[in-house]
Amino acid sequence: MRPTSLPASLFLTFLVSCTVAEVLPVQLTVNPSRSQFFRGESVTLICEDENRSEGWTVRRNTSKGTRTECKDGWGEDDGSTCNMTFLFPEDTGVYWCESRSGSSSSSSSSIQLSVSGGSVILQSPVLPVMEGDDVTLSCRARNPTHNLPAAFYKDGSFIGDGSSGHMTLLHVSSSDEGLYKCNIRGHGESPSSRISVKEKPSTTSSPSTPPPSSSSSSSSSQFLLYGLSSLSAVVLLVLLVFLVKRHINRKSKDDQEDGEESLTYSDVQILQRKQQKPNGVFVRCSFPE
């Protein structure tokens, strides 16, 4: 018996699913979602894995050590979550998720967290932002907590003031990537935080045209035959109308000629009868005896 093969569509779906499962790594999320904190604040780091293929742990590189785990004493380990209840400036560093098996190849992208011992921080996105989106920067003072006017800088250059401590970057692109910080007069300056921009997925590109298949060729042939049949039907219909019209005209002409001949024959008969009538008048008289 000839073995049956898997449909091409099913094989492609399987191949794509396998590829996606390999290229989509675990993602580290931060709650609250910002990259700068004051000393004494708390933060929760979560390793999110949609496939739930294996266990994850949060690791970091700081001035106190490299590749240390959450359970090493700087956080409270809870499965794939790490809770840091009281932040110190020494907690400033790079954080990421990594497989509990110890494989460094199975890890998320890293993020930078900064803990300020001062009185001003910059609230900005901790994860890369999408190209074309608007990004709001907020300059926050520890005391007072209400918004104050602030000056904003990118890569050390002044880029503008925010009367209420906010500045919005409209429709960001790769040129907006860089180190940002802010300054509140009389309170101080925030640490610098990097803003990264990721490319927006293209939605206007048209898919590549596949080579013509036998089914498409068959459809084209059927369409051509249908067109020729329709054209032939139209030609035959026009020819039929022409022949019928010609026949009607010919019949009308013949009927007219027959009428003229009958009229002439009748006239001739009447004329002959008139000619046979006597021209005189005969009077019969009878006399009495």
Protein backbone atom coordinates (compact mmCIF):
# COMPACT_ATOMS: atom_id res chain seq x y z
CA MET A 1 0.00 0.00 0.00
CA ARG A 2 1.30 3.46 -0.90
CA PRO A 3 1.94 5.52 2.28
CA THR A 4 -0.07 8.70 2.66
CA SER A 5 1.75 11.98 3.20
CA LEU A 6 0.76 14.89 5.43
CA PRO A 7 -1.00 17.80 3.70
CA ALA A 8 1.35 20.66 2.88
CA SER A 9 -0.72 23.16 4.89
CA LEU A 10 -0.56 20.96 8.01
CA PHE A 11 3.18 20.53 7.64
CA LEU A 12 3.71 24.29 7.27
CA THR A 13 1.55 24.98 10.33
CA PHE A 14 3.59 22.52 12.36
CA LEU A 15 6.84 24.02 11.11
CA VAL A 16 5.75 27.59 11.91
CA SER A 17 4.55 26.62 15.38
CA CYS A 18 7.86 24.96 16.14
CA THR A 19 9.77 28.00 14.88
CA VAL A 20 7.64 30.43 16.88
CA ALA A 21 8.08 28.36 20.01
CA GLU A 22 11.85 28.68 19.63
CA VAL A 23 12.16 32.36 18.69
CA LEU A 24 9.74 33.75 21.30
CA PRO A 25 11.73 33.92 24.58
CA VAL A 26 10.40 34.54 28.05
CA GLN A 27 9.72 38.19 28.86
CA LEU A 28 10.60 40.06 32.04
CA THR A 29 7.92 42.53 33.15
CA VAL A 30 8.18 45.12 35.90
CA ASN A 31 5.40 46.24 38.25
CA PRO A 32 5.12 49.23 38.51
CA SER A 33 6.25 49.59 34.88
CA ARG A 34 9.12 52.06 35.10
CA SER A 35 12.87 51.95 35.20
CA GLN A 36 13.64 54.32 38.13
CA PHE A 37 12.70 54.05 41.79
CA PHE A 38 13.31 55.91 45.01
CA ARG A 39 15.19 54.27 47.86
CA GLY A 40 12.73 52.31 50.02
CA GLU A 41 10.18 51.65 47.27
CA SER A 42 9.15 48.14 46.22
CA VAL A 43 9.01 46.41 42.84
CA THR A 44 7.87 43.03 41.48
CA LEU A 45 9.73 41.29 38.65
CA ILE A 46 7.79 38.63 36.71
CA CYS A 47 9.06 36.11 34.16
CA GLU A 48 6.20 35.62 31.71
CA ASP A 49 6.31 32.52 29.54
CA GLU A 50 3.17 31.84 27.49
CA ASN A 51 4.32 28.31 26.67
CA ARG A 52 5.10 27.52 30.33
CA SER A 53 7.75 25.16 29.03
CA GLU A 54 10.02 25.33 32.07
CA GLY A 55 10.70 27.16 35.32
CA TRP A 56 12.34 30.58 35.31
CA THR A 57 14.25 32.67 37.78
CA VAL A 58 15.28 36.34 37.88
CA ARG A 59 19.01 37.08 37.75
CA ARG A 60 20.91 40.35 37.88
CA ASN A 61 24.29 42.05 37.54
CA THR A 62 24.98 44.81 40.06
CA SER A 63 27.93 46.31 41.88
CA LYS A 64 27.36 43.66 44.57
CA GLY A 65 27.68 40.64 42.26
CA THR A 66 27.06 39.10 38.82
CA ARG A 67 24.46 36.52 37.71
CA THR A 68 23.01 36.29 41.20
CA GLU A 69 19.52 34.81 41.62
CA CYS A 70 16.53 36.27 43.39
CA LYS A 71 16.78 33.60 46.09
CA ASP A 72 20.35 34.71 46.93
CA GLY A 73 19.00 37.21 49.43
CA TRP A 74 18.22 40.40 47.49
CA GLY A 75 14.60 39.36 46.74
CA GLU A 76 11.80 36.99 47.70
CA ASP A 77 11.58 34.14 45.21
CA ASP A 78 8.06 32.94 44.39
CA GLY A 79 8.20 30.60 41.43
CA SER A 80 8.80 32.77 38.35
CA THR A 81 8.24 35.97 40.37
CA CYS A 82 10.72 37.99 42.40
CA ASN A 83 9.51 40.53 44.98
CA MET A 84 11.82 43.31 46.14
CA THR A 85 10.12 45.00 49.08
CA PHE A 86 12.75 47.61 49.99
CA LEU A 87 15.05 48.97 47.29
CA PHE A 88 18.54 50.33 47.88
CA PRO A 89 20.79 52.28 45.51
CA GLU A 90 22.98 49.15 45.43
CA ASP A 91 20.09 47.37 43.64
CA THR A 92 20.78 49.45 40.55
CA GLY A 93 21.76 47.10 37.74
CA VAL A 94 20.73 44.83 34.88
CA TYR A 95 17.97 42.24 35.39
CA TRP A 96 16.76 39.35 33.22
CA CYS A 97 14.96 35.97 33.32
CA GLU A 98 16.84 32.74 32.93
CA SER A 99 15.95 29.07 32.91
CA ARG A 100 16.31 27.32 36.27
CA SER A 101 18.27 24.62 34.48
CA GLY A 102 21.12 27.10 34.27
CA SER A 103 21.21 27.35 30.47
CA SER A 104 22.22 30.91 29.60
CA SER A 105 20.91 30.40 26.06
CA SER A 106 17.34 30.26 27.44
CA SER A 107 16.90 33.78 28.74
CA SER A 108 14.95 36.97 28.19
CA SER A 109 16.19 40.34 27.07
CA SER A 110 17.64 42.40 29.92
CA ILE A 111 16.36 45.65 31.45
CA GLN A 112 18.07 48.37 33.44
CA LEU A 113 16.69 49.37 36.85
CA SER A 114 17.95 52.42 38.70
CA VAL A 115 17.41 53.17 42.39
CA SER A 116 17.97 56.79 43.38
CA GLY A 117 19.05 57.94 46.80
CA GLY A 118 18.22 61.49 45.71
CA SER A 119 14.95 63.39 45.50
CA VAL A 120 14.16 63.24 41.72
CA ILE A 121 13.48 60.33 39.36
CA LEU A 122 12.42 60.09 35.72
CA GLN A 123 9.44 57.84 34.99
CA SER A 124 9.91 56.35 31.52
CA PRO A 125 9.07 53.04 29.78
CA VAL A 126 11.20 50.20 31.04
CA LEU A 127 10.56 48.05 27.93
CA PRO A 128 11.24 49.03 24.30
CA VAL A 129 8.45 51.15 22.78
CA MET A 130 6.84 50.60 19.38
CA GLU A 131 7.91 52.80 16.50
CA GLY A 132 5.22 55.41 15.80
CA ASP A 133 3.80 55.41 19.35
CA ASP A 134 3.73 58.42 21.67
CA VAL A 135 5.90 58.26 24.80
CA THR A 136 5.30 60.37 27.91
CA LEU A 137 8.16 61.21 30.26
CA SER A 138 7.37 62.29 33.83
CA CYS A 139 9.75 64.00 36.20
CA ARG A 140 8.84 63.17 39.81
CA ALA A 141 10.11 64.62 43.06
CA ARG A 142 10.04 62.66 46.29
CA ASN A 143 8.73 65.66 48.20
CA PRO A 144 6.33 67.30 47.44
CA THR A 145 4.52 64.59 45.49
CA HIS A 146 2.58 66.97 43.22
CA ASN A 147 3.91 67.76 39.76
CA LEU A 148 6.52 70.51 39.40
CA PRO A 149 7.99 72.21 36.31
CA ALA A 150 10.93 70.24 34.96
CA ALA A 151 13.58 70.41 32.25
CA PHE A 152 14.27 67.34 30.11
CA TYR A 153 17.52 66.20 28.49
CA LYS A 154 18.52 63.61 25.92
CA ASP A 155 22.12 62.39 25.75
CA GLY A 156 23.09 65.42 27.84
CA SER A 157 21.38 68.01 25.57
CA PHE A 158 18.37 70.07 26.62
CA ILE A 159 15.23 69.11 24.66
CA GLY A 160 12.47 71.09 26.38
CA ASP A 161 10.53 72.08 29.49
CA GLY A 162 7.43 70.54 30.99
CA SER A 163 5.30 72.99 32.96
CA SER A 164 3.64 70.17 34.91
CA GLY A 165 6.62 67.84 34.92
CA HIS A 166 5.60 65.93 31.78
CA MET A 167 6.90 65.77 28.22
CA THR A 168 5.48 63.70 25.36
CA LEU A 169 7.56 62.40 22.48
CA LEU A 170 5.25 62.15 19.48
CA HIS A 171 5.49 59.30 16.97
CA VAL A 172 8.86 58.03 18.17
CA SER A 173 11.40 56.57 15.78
CA SER A 174 14.90 55.15 16.04
CA SER A 175 16.27 58.71 16.21
CA ASP A 176 14.55 59.11 19.60
CA GLU A 177 16.60 56.33 21.18
CA GLY A 178 19.04 57.49 23.83
CA LEU A 179 19.62 58.36 27.48
CA TYR A 180 17.04 60.66 29.07
CA LYS A 181 17.03 62.52 32.36
CA CYS A 182 15.19 65.43 33.97
CA ASN A 183 15.86 68.25 36.41
CA ILE A 184 13.56 70.00 38.85
CA ARG A 185 14.91 73.34 39.99
CA GLY A 186 15.56 73.33 43.70
CA HIS A 187 15.20 69.55 44.01
CA GLY A 188 17.89 68.04 41.83
CA GLU A 189 18.46 65.84 38.82
CA SER A 190 17.29 62.31 38.08
CA PRO A 191 19.50 59.40 37.01
CA SER A 192 19.61 58.64 33.27
CA SER A 193 17.43 55.96 31.68
CA ARG A 194 17.64 54.55 28.19
CA ILE A 195 14.65 54.53 25.86
CA SER A 196 14.72 51.92 23.10
CA VAL A 197 12.47 51.87 20.02
CA LYS A 198 11.54 48.65 18.24
CA GLU A 199 10.54 48.53 14.61
CA LYS A 200 6.83 48.43 13.87
CA PRO A 201 5.70 45.27 12.02
CA SER A 202 5.03 46.00 8.38
CA THR A 203 1.34 45.73 7.40
CA THR A 204 1.48 47.15 3.86
CA SER A 205 3.82 44.65 2.27
CA SER A 206 2.01 42.33 -0.08
CA PRO A 207 2.71 38.62 0.13
CA SER A 208 4.88 37.09 -2.55
CA THR A 209 2.92 35.81 -5.53
CA PRO A 210 3.04 32.01 -5.65
CA PRO A 211 3.84 30.30 -8.95
CA PRO A 212 0.81 29.35 -11.00
CA SER A 213 -0.50 25.94 -10.06
CA SER A 214 -2.40 23.40 -12.11
CA SER A 215 -5.64 24.44 -10.42
CA SER A 216 -5.13 28.09 -11.37
CA SER A 217 -4.28 27.08 -14.95
CA SER A 218 -7.42 24.96 -15.09
CA SER A 219 -9.48 27.86 -13.79
CA SER A 220 -7.99 30.15 -16.44
CA SER A 221 -8.82 27.63 -19.17
CA GLN A 222 -12.37 27.28 -17.93
CA PHE A 223 -12.77 31.03 -17.86
CA LEU A 224 -11.44 31.30 -21.44
CA LEU A 225 -13.83 28.61 -22.66
CA TYR A 226 -16.72 30.31 -20.93
CA GLY A 227 -15.81 33.60 -22.59
CA LEU A 228 -15.62 32.03 -26.04
CA SER A 229 -18.96 30.28 -25.52
CA SER A 230 -20.60 33.53 -24.47
CA LEU A 231 -19.17 35.32 -27.50
CA SER A 232 -20.42 32.57 -29.84
CA ALA A 233 -23.89 32.77 -28.31
CA VAL A 234 -24.00 36.54 -28.86
CA VAL A 235 -22.89 36.17 -32.50
CA LEU A 236 -25.52 33.49 -33.15
CA LEU A 237 -28.22 35.63 -31.53
CA VAL A 238 -27.33 38.64 -33.71
CA LEU A 239 -27.31 36.46 -36.83
CA LEU A 240 -30.69 34.96 -35.91
CA VAL A 241 -32.23 38.41 -35.41
CA PHE A 242 -30.83 39.52 -38.79
CA LEU A 243 -32.28 36.48 -40.59
CA VAL A 244 -35.70 36.86 -38.95
CA LYS A 245 -35.83 40.54 -39.84
CA ARG A 246 -34.83 39.79 -43.41
CA HIS A 247 -37.51 37.12 -43.69
CA ILE A 248 -40.20 39.51 -42.40
CA ASN A 249 -39.17 42.22 -44.89
CA ARG A 250 -39.23 39.76 -47.77
CA LYS A 251 -42.68 38.45 -46.80
CA SER A 252 -44.11 41.97 -46.61
CA LYS A 253 -42.75 42.76 -50.06
CA ASP A 254 -44.26 39.59 -51.56
CA ASP A 255 -47.67 40.34 -50.02
CA GLN A 256 -47.60 43.82 -51.53
CA GLU A 257 -46.83 42.49 -55.00
CA ASP A 258 -49.66 39.90 -54.76
CA GLY A 259 -52.10 42.65 -53.80
CA GLU A 260 -51.18 44.76 -56.80
CA GLU A 261 -51.71 41.78 -59.19
CA SER A 262 -55.22 40.98 -57.81
CA LEU A 263 -56.26 44.59 -58.10
CA THR A 264 -55.20 44.73 -61.74
CA TYR A 265 -57.05 41.51 -62.60
CA SER A 266 -60.28 42.79 -61.02
CA ASP A 267 -60.04 46.03 -62.91
CA VAL A 268 -59.65 44.10 -66.12
CA GLN A 269 -62.76 41.97 -65.45
CA ILE A 270 -64.85 45.04 -64.68
CA LEU A 271 -63.62 46.74 -67.85
CA GLN A 272 -64.49 43.71 -69.98
CA ARG A 273 -68.01 43.52 -68.55
CA LYS A 274 -68.58 47.18 -69.34
CA GLN A 275 -67.48 46.62 -72.90
CA GLN A 276 -69.93 43.69 -73.43
CA LYS A 277 -73.01 45.75 -72.43
CA PRO A 278 -75.13 46.93 -75.44
CA ASN A 279 -74.95 50.56 -76.08
CA GLY A 280 -78.57 50.96 -77.46
CA VAL A 281 -81.96 50.85 -75.73
CA PHE A 282 -84.55 48.28 -76.88
CA VAL A 283 -88.26 49.10 -76.46
CA ARG A 284 -90.92 46.49 -76.89
CA CYS A 285 -94.34 47.79 -77.96
CA SER A 286 -97.59 45.84 -78.11
CA PHE A 287 -100.70 46.97 -80.10
CA PRO A 288 -104.27 46.00 -79.33
CA GLU A 289 -106.14 43.92 -81.85
